[in-house]
PDB file of N, CA and C in Angstrom:
ATOM      1  N   UNK A   1     173.329  84.594 178.539  1.00  0.00           N
ATOM      2  CA  UNK A   1     172.117  85.340 178.538  1.00  0.00           C
ATOM      3  C   UNK A   1     170.912  84.449 178.739  1.00  0.00           C
ATOM      4  N   UNK A   2     170.165  84.717 179.737  1.00  0.00           N
ATOM      5  CA  UNK A   2     169.015  83.861 180.001  1.00  0.00           C
ATOM      6  C   UNK A   2     167.906  84.120 178.987  1.00  0.00           C
ATOM      7  N   UNK A   3     167.228  83.084 178.598  1.00  0.00           N
ATOM      8  CA  UNK A   3     166.112  83.219 177.652  1.00  0.00           C
ATOM      9  C   UNK A   3     164.879  83.665 178.403  1.00  0.00           C
ATOM     10  N   UNK A   4     164.179  84.558 177.815  1.00  0.00           N
ATOM     11  CA  UNK A   4     162.970  85.100 178.448  1.00  0.00           C
ATOM     12  C   UNK A   4     161.752  84.404 177.879  1.00  0.00           C
ATOM     13  N   UNK A   5     160.985  83.816 178.760  1.00  0.00           N
ATOM     14  CA  UNK A   5     159.757  83.141 178.336  1.00  0.00           C
ATOM     15  C   UNK A   5     158.543  84.069 178.377  1.00  0.00           C
ATOM     16  N   UNK A   6     158.724  85.259 178.799  1.00  0.00           N
ATOM     17  CA  UNK A   6     157.592  86.194 178.916  1.00  0.00           C
ATOM     18  C   UNK A   6     157.190  86.713 177.541  1.00  0.00           C
ATOM     19  N   UNK A   7     155.886  86.694 177.287  1.00  0.00           N
ATOM     20  CA  UNK A   7     155.356  87.198 176.022  1.00  0.00           C
ATOM     21  C   UNK A   7     154.888  88.617 176.258  1.00  0.00           C
ATOM     22  N   UNK A   8     155.359  89.472 175.440  1.00  0.00           N
ATOM     23  CA  UNK A   8     154.935  90.872 175.593  1.00  0.00           C
ATOM     24  C   UNK A   8     153.593  91.064 174.888  1.00  0.00           C
ATOM     25  N   UNK A   9     152.639  91.690 175.576  1.00  0.00           N
ATOM     26  CA  UNK A   9     151.318  91.893 174.953  1.00  0.00           C
ATOM     27  C   UNK A   9     151.422  92.878 173.795  1.00  0.00           C
ATOM     28  N   UNK A  10     150.599  92.604 172.793  1.00  0.00           N
ATOM     29  CA  UNK A  10     150.599  93.525 171.650  1.00  0.00           C
ATOM     30  C   UNK A  10     149.859  94.799 172.046  1.00  0.00           C
ATOM     31  N   UNK A  11     150.253  95.892 171.485  1.00  0.00           N
ATOM     32  CA  UNK A  11     149.598  97.148 171.863  1.00  0.00           C
ATOM     33  C   UNK A  11     148.152  97.174 171.365  1.00  0.00           C
ATOM     34  N   UNK A  12     147.250  97.803 172.151  1.00  0.00           N
ATOM     35  CA  UNK A  12     145.832  97.930 171.782  1.00  0.00           C
ATOM     36  C   UNK A  12     145.709  98.906 170.616  1.00  0.00           C
ATOM     37  N   UNK A  13     144.959  98.543 169.596  1.00  0.00           N
ATOM     38  CA  UNK A  13     144.772  99.488 168.497  1.00  0.00           C
ATOM     39  C   UNK A  13     143.879 100.642 168.953  1.00  0.00           C
ATOM     40  N   UNK A  14     144.189 101.791 168.497  1.00  0.00           N
ATOM     41  CA  UNK A  14     143.368 102.945 168.881  1.00  0.00           C
ATOM     42  C   UNK A  14     142.127 102.990 167.986  1.00  0.00           C
ATOM     43  N   UNK A  15     141.005 103.467 168.538  1.00  0.00           N
ATOM     44  CA  UNK A  15     139.759 103.555 167.783  1.00  0.00           C
ATOM     45  C   UNK A  15     139.815 104.745 166.834  1.00  0.00           C
ATOM     46  N   UNK A  16     139.362 104.505 165.647  1.00  0.00           N
ATOM     47  CA  UNK A  16     139.263 105.592 164.684  1.00  0.00           C
ATOM     48  C   UNK A  16     137.932 106.305 164.896  1.00  0.00           C
ATOM     49  N   UNK A  17     137.988 107.595 164.953  1.00  0.00           N
ATOM     50  CA  UNK A  17     136.772 108.358 165.248  1.00  0.00           C
ATOM     51  C   UNK A  17     135.722 108.216 164.146  1.00  0.00           C
ATOM     52  N   UNK A  18     136.135 108.079 162.901  1.00  0.00           N
ATOM     53  CA  UNK A  18     135.180 108.008 161.794  1.00  0.00           C
ATOM     54  C   UNK A  18     134.658 106.599 161.531  1.00  0.00           C
ATOM     55  N   UNK A  19     135.167 105.588 162.245  1.00  0.00           N
ATOM     56  CA  UNK A  19     134.717 104.237 161.963  1.00  0.00           C
ATOM     57  C   UNK A  19     133.868 103.642 163.067  1.00  0.00           C
ATOM     58  N   UNK A  20     133.486 104.417 164.036  1.00  0.00           N
ATOM     59  CA  UNK A  20     132.616 103.886 165.073  1.00  0.00           C
ATOM     60  C   UNK A  20     131.158 104.080 164.649  1.00  0.00           C
ATOM     61  N   UNK A  21     130.314 103.172 165.071  1.00  0.00           N
ATOM     62  CA  UNK A  21     128.898 103.224 164.728  1.00  0.00           C
ATOM     63  C   UNK A  21     128.086 103.319 166.002  1.00  0.00           C
ATOM     64  N   UNK A  22     127.126 104.182 165.985  1.00  0.00           N
ATOM     65  CA  UNK A  22     126.230 104.268 167.130  1.00  0.00           C
ATOM     66  C   UNK A  22     124.796 104.196 166.611  1.00  0.00           C
ATOM     67  N   UNK A  23     123.942 103.548 167.356  1.00  0.00           N
ATOM     68  CA  UNK A  23     122.549 103.401 166.983  1.00  0.00           C
ATOM     69  C   UNK A  23     121.707 104.089 168.048  1.00  0.00           C
ATOM     70  N   UNK A  24     121.022 105.168 167.660  1.00  0.00           N
ATOM     71  CA  UNK A  24     120.180 105.826 168.654  1.00  0.00           C
ATOM     72  C   UNK A  24     118.975 104.940 168.972  1.00  0.00           C
ATOM     73  N   UNK A  25     118.555 104.959 170.186  1.00  0.00           N
ATOM     74  CA  UNK A  25     117.430 104.140 170.602  1.00  0.00           C
ATOM     75  C   UNK A  25     116.189 105.026 170.724  1.00  0.00           C
ATOM     76  N   UNK A  26     115.067 104.464 170.337  1.00  0.00           N
ATOM     77  CA  UNK A  26     113.811 105.197 170.429  1.00  0.00           C
ATOM     78  C   UNK A  26     112.747 104.261 170.958  1.00  0.00           C
ATOM     79  N   UNK A  27     111.739 104.844 171.534  1.00  0.00           N
ATOM     80  CA  UNK A  27     110.625 104.074 172.042  1.00  0.00           C
ATOM     81  C   UNK A  27     109.385 104.464 171.267  1.00  0.00           C
ATOM     82  N   UNK A  28     108.647 103.479 170.783  1.00  0.00           N
ATOM     83  CA  UNK A  28     107.425 103.733 170.036  1.00  0.00           C
ATOM     84  C   UNK A  28     106.305 104.040 171.018  1.00  0.00           C
ATOM     85  N   UNK A  29     105.712 105.210 170.852  1.00  0.00           N
ATOM     86  CA  UNK A  29     104.594 105.608 171.675  1.00  0.00           C
ATOM     87  C   UNK A  29     103.477 106.058 170.738  1.00  0.00           C
ATOM     88  N   UNK A  30     102.382 105.312 170.654  1.00  0.00           N
ATOM     89  CA  UNK A  30     101.296 105.725 169.759  1.00  0.00           C
ATOM     90  C   UNK A  30     100.621 106.985 170.284  1.00  0.00           C
ATOM     91  N   UNK A  31     100.236 107.836 169.345  1.00  0.00           N
ATOM     92  CA  UNK A  31      99.541 109.055 169.724  1.00  0.00           C
ATOM     93  C   UNK A  31      98.072 108.744 169.939  1.00  0.00           C
ATOM     94  N   UNK A  32      97.551 109.189 171.024  1.00  0.00           N
ATOM     95  CA  UNK A  32      96.133 109.012 171.307  1.00  0.00           C
ATOM     96  C   UNK A  32      95.535 110.409 171.408  1.00  0.00           C
ATOM     97  N   UNK A  33      95.009 110.892 170.297  1.00  0.00           N
ATOM     98  CA  UNK A  33      94.478 112.250 170.253  1.00  0.00           C
ATOM     99  C   UNK A  33      92.968 112.175 170.389  1.00  0.00           C
ATOM    100  N   UNK A  34      92.452 112.823 171.378  1.00  0.00           N
ATOM    101  CA  UNK A  34      91.007 112.861 171.589  1.00  0.00           C
ATOM    102  C   UNK A  34      90.422 113.945 170.694  1.00  0.00           C
ATOM    103  N   UNK A  35      89.493 113.536 169.818  1.00  0.00           N
ATOM    104  CA  UNK A  35      88.856 114.480 168.906  1.00  0.00           C
ATOM    105  C   UNK A  35      87.363 114.426 169.148  1.00  0.00           C
ATOM    106  N   UNK A  36      86.779 115.587 169.343  1.00  0.00           N
ATOM    107  CA  UNK A  36      85.337 115.675 169.514  1.00  0.00           C
ATOM    108  C   UNK A  36      84.672 115.435 168.158  1.00  0.00           C
ATOM    109  N   UNK A  37      83.824 114.403 168.021  1.00  0.00           N
ATOM    110  CA  UNK A  37      83.226 114.122 166.718  1.00  0.00           C
ATOM    111  C   UNK A  37      82.290 115.224 166.228  1.00  0.00           C
ATOM    112  N   UNK A  38      81.808 116.064 167.132  1.00  0.00           N
ATOM    113  CA  UNK A  38      80.916 117.154 166.731  1.00  0.00           C
ATOM    114  C   UNK A  38      81.684 118.363 166.220  1.00  0.00           C
ATOM    115  N   UNK A  39      82.990 118.371 166.441  1.00  0.00           N
ATOM    116  CA  UNK A  39      83.819 119.499 166.018  1.00  0.00           C
ATOM    117  C   UNK A  39      84.093 119.392 164.520  1.00  0.00           C
ATOM    118  N   UNK A  40      83.878 120.476 163.764  1.00  0.00           N
ATOM    119  CA  UNK A  40      84.151 120.406 162.326  1.00  0.00           C
ATOM    120  C   UNK A  40      85.652 120.316 162.065  1.00  0.00           C
ATOM    121  N   UNK A  41      85.983 119.800 160.937  1.00  0.00           N
ATOM    122  CA  UNK A  41      87.406 119.696 160.605  1.00  0.00           C
ATOM    123  C   UNK A  41      87.622 118.740 159.459  1.00  0.00           C
ATOM    124  N   UNK A  42      88.803 118.181 159.396  1.00  0.00           N
ATOM    125  CA  UNK A  42      89.119 117.232 158.337  1.00  0.00           C
ATOM    126  C   UNK A  42      89.378 117.902 157.003  1.00  0.00           C
ATOM    127  N   UNK A  43      89.973 119.084 157.021  1.00  0.00           N
ATOM    128  CA  UNK A  43      90.208 119.817 155.778  1.00  0.00           C
ATOM    129  C   UNK A  43      91.104 119.045 154.826  1.00  0.00           C
ATOM    130  N   UNK A  44      92.111 118.392 155.344  1.00  0.00           N
ATOM    131  CA  UNK A  44      93.012 117.643 154.471  1.00  0.00           C
ATOM    132  C   UNK A  44      92.294 116.449 153.847  1.00  0.00           C
ATOM    133  N   UNK A  45      91.465 115.768 154.648  1.00  0.00           N
ATOM    134  CA  UNK A  45      90.688 114.655 154.109  1.00  0.00           C
ATOM    135  C   UNK A  45      89.728 115.133 153.035  1.00  0.00           C
ATOM    136  N   UNK A  46      89.091 116.287 153.254  1.00  0.00           N
ATOM    137  CA  UNK A  46      88.164 116.829 152.262  1.00  0.00           C
ATOM    138  C   UNK A  46      88.902 117.190 150.970  1.00  0.00           C
ATOM    139  N   UNK A  47      90.062 117.805 151.107  1.00  0.00           N
ATOM    140  CA  UNK A  47      90.843 118.177 149.915  1.00  0.00           C
ATOM    141  C   UNK A  47      91.277 116.936 149.158  1.00  0.00           C
ATOM    142  N   UNK A  48      91.692 115.904 149.869  1.00  0.00           N
ATOM    143  CA  UNK A  48      92.091 114.657 149.218  1.00  0.00           C
ATOM    144  C   UNK A  48      90.896 114.034 148.499  1.00  0.00           C
ATOM    145  N   UNK A  49      89.735 114.047 149.145  1.00  0.00           N
ATOM    146  CA  UNK A  49      88.540 113.468 148.534  1.00  0.00           C
ATOM    147  C   UNK A  49      88.160 114.209 147.255  1.00  0.00           C
ATOM    148  N   UNK A  50      88.138 115.536 147.315  1.00  0.00           N
ATOM    149  CA  UNK A  50      87.767 116.320 146.128  1.00  0.00           C
ATOM    150  C   UNK A  50      88.769 116.072 145.005  1.00  0.00           C
ATOM    151  N   UNK A  51      90.057 116.005 145.349  1.00  0.00           N
ATOM    152  CA  UNK A  51      91.078 115.761 144.331  1.00  0.00           C
ATOM    153  C   UNK A  51      90.930 114.351 143.734  1.00  0.00           C
ATOM    154  N   UNK A  52      90.525 113.387 144.581  1.00  0.00           N
ATOM    155  CA  UNK A  52      90.388 112.005 144.095  1.00  0.00           C
ATOM    156  C   UNK A  52      89.168 111.822 143.202  1.00  0.00           C
ATOM    157  N   UNK A  53      88.253 112.784 143.185  1.00  0.00           N
ATOM    158  CA  UNK A  53      87.092 112.692 142.293  1.00  0.00           C
ATOM    159  C   UNK A  53      87.491 112.796 140.821  1.00  0.00           C
ATOM    160  N   UNK A  54      88.665 113.370 140.562  1.00  0.00           N
ATOM    161  CA  UNK A  54      89.146 113.574 139.189  1.00  0.00           C
ATOM    162  C   UNK A  54      88.086 114.255 138.333  1.00  0.00           C
ATOM    163  N   UNK A  55      87.616 115.390 138.814  1.00  0.00           N
ATOM    164  CA  UNK A  55      86.566 116.127 138.100  1.00  0.00           C
ATOM    165  C   UNK A  55      87.041 116.525 136.714  1.00  0.00           C
ATOM    166  N   UNK A  56      86.201 116.308 135.734  1.00  0.00           N
ATOM    167  CA  UNK A  56      86.488 116.682 134.348  1.00  0.00           C
ATOM    168  C   UNK A  56      85.875 118.047 134.076  1.00  0.00           C
ATOM    169  N   UNK A  57      86.425 118.792 133.115  1.00  0.00           N
ATOM    170  CA  UNK A  57      85.891 120.120 132.822  1.00  0.00           C
ATOM    171  C   UNK A  57      84.393 120.068 132.518  1.00  0.00           C
ATOM    172  N   UNK A  58      83.637 120.928 133.174  1.00  0.00           N
ATOM    173  CA  UNK A  58      82.196 121.031 132.956  1.00  0.00           C
ATOM    174  C   UNK A  58      81.349 120.205 133.901  1.00  0.00           C
ATOM    175  N   UNK A  59      81.950 119.360 134.713  1.00  0.00           N
ATOM    176  CA  UNK A  59      81.158 118.506 135.594  1.00  0.00           C
ATOM    177  C   UNK A  59      80.478 119.282 136.716  1.00  0.00           C
ATOM    178  N   UNK A  60      81.110 120.303 137.238  1.00  0.00           N
ATOM    179  CA  UNK A  60      80.471 121.094 138.292  1.00  0.00           C
ATOM    180  C   UNK A  60      79.226 121.778 137.729  1.00  0.00           C
ATOM    181  N   UNK A  61      79.326 122.335 136.524  1.00  0.00           N
ATOM    182  CA  UNK A  61      78.162 122.982 135.911  1.00  0.00           C
ATOM    183  C   UNK A  61      77.086 121.960 135.560  1.00  0.00           C
ATOM    184  N   UNK A  62      77.475 120.756 135.176  1.00  0.00           N
ATOM    185  CA  UNK A  62      76.496 119.708 134.870  1.00  0.00           C
ATOM    186  C   UNK A  62      75.707 119.324 136.110  1.00  0.00           C
ATOM    187  N   UNK A  63      76.362 119.262 137.248  1.00  0.00           N
ATOM    188  CA  UNK A  63      75.673 118.947 138.499  1.00  0.00           C
ATOM    189  C   UNK A  63      74.740 120.098 138.865  1.00  0.00           C
ATOM    190  N   UNK A  64      75.193 121.327 138.670  1.00  0.00           N
ATOM    191  CA  UNK A  64      74.326 122.484 138.945  1.00  0.00           C
ATOM    192  C   UNK A  64      73.081 122.439 138.073  1.00  0.00           C
ATOM    193  N   UNK A  65      73.249 122.088 136.797  1.00  0.00           N
ATOM    194  CA  UNK A  65      72.113 122.033 135.875  1.00  0.00           C
ATOM    195  C   UNK A  65      71.151 120.906 136.258  1.00  0.00           C
ATOM    196  N   UNK A  66      71.680 119.814 136.771  1.00  0.00           N
ATOM    197  CA  UNK A  66      70.811 118.698 137.148  1.00  0.00           C
ATOM    198  C   UNK A  66      70.027 118.998 138.420  1.00  0.00           C
ATOM    199  N   UNK A  67      70.500 119.938 139.234  1.00  0.00           N
ATOM    200  CA  UNK A  67      69.777 120.305 140.447  1.00  0.00           C
ATOM    201  C   UNK A  67      68.575 121.194 140.135  1.00  0.00           C
ATOM    202  N   UNK A  68      68.563 121.878 138.990  1.00  0.00           N
ATOM    203  CA  UNK A  68      67.474 122.778 138.623  1.00  0.00           C
ATOM    204  C   UNK A  68      66.485 122.015 137.748  1.00  0.00           C
ATOM    205  N   UNK A  69      65.216 121.912 138.175  1.00  0.00           N
ATOM    206  CA  UNK A  69      64.244 121.198 137.347  1.00  0.00           C
ATOM    207  C   UNK A  69      63.999 121.946 136.033  1.00  0.00           C
ATOM    208  N   UNK A  70      63.889 121.203 134.930  1.00  0.00           N
ATOM    209  CA  UNK A  70      63.715 121.827 133.613  1.00  0.00           C
ATOM    210  C   UNK A  70      62.269 122.143 133.299  1.00  0.00           C
ATOM    211  N   UNK A  71      61.296 121.592 134.035  1.00  0.00           N
ATOM    212  CA  UNK A  71      59.884 121.804 133.720  1.00  0.00           C
ATOM    213  C   UNK A  71      59.330 123.095 134.307  1.00  0.00           C
ATOM    214  N   UNK A  72      60.076 123.759 135.155  1.00  0.00           N
ATOM    215  CA  UNK A  72      59.555 124.981 135.765  1.00  0.00           C
ATOM    216  C   UNK A  72      59.944 126.191 134.932  1.00  0.00           C
ATOM    217  N   UNK A  73      59.131 127.248 134.985  1.00  0.00           N
ATOM    218  CA  UNK A  73      59.477 128.445 134.226  1.00  0.00           C
ATOM    219  C   UNK A  73      60.755 129.113 134.729  1.00  0.00           C
ATOM    220  N   UNK A  74      61.150 128.823 135.951  1.00  0.00           N
ATOM    221  CA  UNK A  74      62.369 129.412 136.502  1.00  0.00           C
ATOM    222  C   UNK A  74      63.582 128.907 135.721  1.00  0.00           C
ATOM    223  N   UNK A  75      63.483 127.683 135.201  1.00  0.00           N
ATOM    224  CA  UNK A  75      64.609 127.101 134.475  1.00  0.00           C
ATOM    225  C   UNK A  75      64.892 127.865 133.189  1.00  0.00           C
ATOM    226  N   UNK A  76      63.892 128.550 132.652  1.00  0.00           N
ATOM    227  CA  UNK A  76      64.101 129.313 131.428  1.00  0.00           C
ATOM    228  C   UNK A  76      64.916 130.567 131.693  1.00  0.00           C
ATOM    229  N   UNK A  77      64.928 130.991 132.941  1.00  0.00           N
ATOM    230  CA  UNK A  77      65.708 132.171 133.304  1.00  0.00           C
ATOM    231  C   UNK A  77      67.184 131.808 133.383  1.00  0.00           C
ATOM    232  N   UNK A  78      67.978 132.840 133.528  1.00  0.00           N
ATOM    233  CA  UNK A  78      69.424 132.622 133.657  1.00  0.00           C
ATOM    234  C   UNK A  78      69.703 131.869 134.951  1.00  0.00           C
ATOM    235  N   UNK A  79      70.565 130.850 134.904  1.00  0.00           N
ATOM    236  CA  UNK A  79      70.845 130.094 136.133  1.00  0.00           C
ATOM    237  C   UNK A  79      71.510 130.990 137.169  1.00  0.00           C
ATOM    238  N   UNK A  80      71.281 130.687 138.434  1.00  0.00           N
ATOM    239  CA  UNK A  80      71.907 131.504 139.478  1.00  0.00           C
ATOM    240  C   UNK A  80      73.422 131.392 139.420  1.00  0.00           C
ATOM    241  N   UNK A  81      74.076 132.372 139.977  1.00  0.00           N
ATOM    242  CA  UNK A  81      75.545 132.370 139.995  1.00  0.00           C
ATOM    243  C   UNK A  81      76.040 131.198 140.837  1.00  0.00           C
ATOM    244  N   UNK A  82      77.236 130.756 140.528  1.00  0.00           N
ATOM    245  CA  UNK A  82      77.839 129.666 141.294  1.00  0.00           C
ATOM    246  C   UNK A  82      78.010 130.085 142.745  1.00  0.00           C
ATOM    247  N   UNK A  83      77.877 129.117 143.626  1.00  0.00           N
ATOM    248  CA  UNK A  83      78.173 129.377 145.030  1.00  0.00           C
ATOM    249  C   UNK A  83      79.690 129.365 145.213  1.00  0.00           C
ATOM    250  N   UNK A  84      80.130 129.782 146.385  1.00  0.00           N
ATOM    251  CA  UNK A  84      81.570 129.794 146.665  1.00  0.00           C
ATOM    252  C   UNK A  84      82.135 128.375 146.620  1.00  0.00           C
ATOM    253  N   UNK A  85      81.350 127.393 147.096  1.00  0.00           N
ATOM    254  CA  UNK A  85      81.822 126.008 147.071  1.00  0.00           C
ATOM    255  C   UNK A  85      81.924 125.502 145.641  1.00  0.00           C
ATOM    256  N   UNK A  86      80.949 125.841 144.790  1.00  0.00           N
ATOM    257  CA  UNK A  86      81.000 125.403 143.393  1.00  0.00           C
ATOM    258  C   UNK A  86      82.192 126.030 142.667  1.00  0.00           C
ATOM    259  N   UNK A  87      82.481 127.287 142.966  1.00  0.00           N
ATOM    260  CA  UNK A  87      83.663 127.928 142.367  1.00  0.00           C
ATOM    261  C   UNK A  87      84.942 127.216 142.807  1.00  0.00           C
ATOM    262  N   UNK A  88      84.977 126.830 144.066  1.00  0.00           N
ATOM    263  CA  UNK A  88      86.155 126.139 144.589  1.00  0.00           C
ATOM    264  C   UNK A  88      86.299 124.762 143.941  1.00  0.00           C
ATOM    265  N   UNK A  89      85.192 124.049 143.777  1.00  0.00           N
ATOM    266  CA  UNK A  89      85.246 122.725 143.152  1.00  0.00           C
ATOM    267  C   UNK A  89      85.631 122.820 141.679  1.00  0.00           C
ATOM    268  N   UNK A  90      85.233 123.898 141.013  1.00  0.00           N
ATOM    269  CA  UNK A  90      85.561 124.066 139.595  1.00  0.00           C
ATOM    270  C   UNK A  90      87.071 124.182 139.386  1.00  0.00           C
ATOM    271  N   UNK A  91      87.792 124.646 140.392  1.00  0.00           N
ATOM    272  CA  UNK A  91      89.257 124.749 140.285  1.00  0.00           C
ATOM    273  C   UNK A  91      89.871 123.358 140.148  1.00  0.00           C
ATOM    274  N   UNK A  92      89.213 122.339 140.715  1.00  0.00           N
ATOM    275  CA  UNK A  92      89.728 120.967 140.675  1.00  0.00           C
ATOM    276  C   UNK A  92      89.407 120.263 139.355  1.00  0.00           C
ATOM    277  N   UNK A  93      88.633 120.885 138.475  1.00  0.00           N
ATOM    278  CA  UNK A  93      88.291 120.244 137.206  1.00  0.00           C
ATOM    279  C   UNK A  93      89.514 120.152 136.296  1.00  0.00           C
ATOM    280  N   UNK A  94      89.534 119.123 135.472  1.00  0.00           N
ATOM    281  CA  UNK A  94      90.677 118.918 134.577  1.00  0.00           C
ATOM    282  C   UNK A  94      91.806 118.264 135.339  1.00  0.00           C
ATOM    283  N   UNK A  95      93.004 118.542 134.941  1.00  0.00           N
ATOM    284  CA  UNK A  95      94.194 118.017 135.617  1.00  0.00           C
ATOM    285  C   UNK A  95      95.012 119.186 136.128  1.00  0.00           C
ATOM    286  N   UNK A  96      94.556 119.834 137.210  1.00  0.00           N
ATOM    287  CA  UNK A  96      95.282 121.003 137.698  1.00  0.00           C
ATOM    288  C   UNK A  96      96.638 120.629 138.292  1.00  0.00           C
ATOM    289  N   UNK A  97      97.535 121.559 138.229  1.00  0.00           N
ATOM    290  CA  UNK A  97      98.848 121.384 138.853  1.00  0.00           C
ATOM    291  C   UNK A  97      98.631 121.497 140.365  1.00  0.00           C
ATOM    292  N   UNK A  98      99.067 120.508 141.129  1.00  0.00           N
ATOM    293  CA  UNK A  98      98.796 120.507 142.565  1.00  0.00           C
ATOM    294  C   UNK A  98      99.219 121.783 143.289  1.00  0.00           C
ATOM    295  N   UNK A  99     100.298 122.398 142.841  1.00  0.00           N
ATOM    296  CA  UNK A  99     100.749 123.611 143.530  1.00  0.00           C
ATOM    297  C   UNK A  99      99.815 124.792 143.281  1.00  0.00           C
ATOM    298  N   UNK A 100      98.957 124.695 142.260  1.00  0.00           N
ATOM    299  CA  UNK A 100      98.020 125.777 141.973  1.00  0.00           C
ATOM    300  C   UNK A 100      96.659 125.567 142.627  1.00  0.00           C
ATOM    301  N   UNK A 101      96.458 124.431 143.273  1.00  0.00           N
ATOM    302  CA  UNK A 101      95.189 124.165 143.941  1.00  0.00           C
ATOM    303  C   UNK A 101      95.089 125.000 145.211  1.00  0.00           C
ATOM    304  N   UNK A 102      93.869 125.318 145.631  1.00  0.00           N
ATOM    305  CA  UNK A 102      93.717 126.083 146.870  1.00  0.00           C
ATOM    306  C   UNK A 102      94.142 125.251 148.074  1.00  0.00           C
ATOM    307  N   UNK A 103      94.404 125.925 149.159  1.00  0.00           N
ATOM    308  CA  UNK A 103      94.822 125.208 150.359  1.00  0.00           C
ATOM    309  C   UNK A 103      93.626 124.464 150.942  1.00  0.00           C
ATOM    310  N   UNK A 104      93.876 123.385 151.667  1.00  0.00           N
ATOM    311  CA  UNK A 104      92.768 122.655 152.292  1.00  0.00           C
ATOM    312  C   UNK A 104      91.949 123.514 153.243  1.00  0.00           C
ATOM    313  N   UNK A 105      92.536 124.553 153.787  1.00  0.00           N
ATOM    314  CA  UNK A 105      91.801 125.425 154.702  1.00  0.00           C
ATOM    315  C   UNK A 105      90.609 126.086 154.015  1.00  0.00           C
ATOM    316  N   UNK A 106      90.699 126.312 152.712  1.00  0.00           N
ATOM    317  CA  UNK A 106      89.570 126.905 152.010  1.00  0.00           C
ATOM    318  C   UNK A 106      88.403 125.934 151.944  1.00  0.00           C
ATOM    319  N   UNK A 107      88.665 124.658 151.793  1.00  0.00           N
ATOM    320  CA  UNK A 107      87.589 123.671 151.831  1.00  0.00           C
ATOM    321  C   UNK A 107      86.973 123.593 153.218  1.00  0.00           C
ATOM    322  N   UNK A 108      87.787 123.730 154.236  1.00  0.00           N
ATOM    323  CA  UNK A 108      87.298 123.688 155.613  1.00  0.00           C
ATOM    324  C   UNK A 108      86.326 124.835 155.861  1.00  0.00           C
ATOM    325  N   UNK A 109      86.656 126.003 155.375  1.00  0.00           N
ATOM    326  CA  UNK A 109      85.817 127.165 155.663  1.00  0.00           C
ATOM    327  C   UNK A 109      84.552 127.201 154.809  1.00  0.00           C
ATOM    328  N   UNK A 110      84.527 126.486 153.686  1.00  0.00           N
ATOM    329  CA  UNK A 110      83.366 126.548 152.796  1.00  0.00           C
ATOM    330  C   UNK A 110      82.479 125.314 152.867  1.00  0.00           C
ATOM    331  N   UNK A 111      83.036 124.206 153.279  1.00  0.00           N
ATOM    332  CA  UNK A 111      82.238 122.972 153.260  1.00  0.00           C
ATOM    333  C   UNK A 111      81.812 122.561 154.637  1.00  0.00           C
TER     334      UNK A 111
END
């Protein structure tokens, strides 16, 4: 019997479907949004700013009282009713639960 010097190749292992890794490729494209500076907006920024003031209970009324001069006879009368914006700001006084705060759109329409 003749000796065979030929080496038989080992079989290729099959790929397991659950062990392959793929990396999706993405391209970074910065957004360039043209905004007219004269156009009103920024409701989210306004809401963040008002929330960051950390208004304490009574501060909105204190500011209202400081706007009315005390030396005039008008000051002796009953103070005028709160404006819609003052009512909205009063909601932010204390430590309100964020889910109970008004939507930023309300600040946009009033401020």
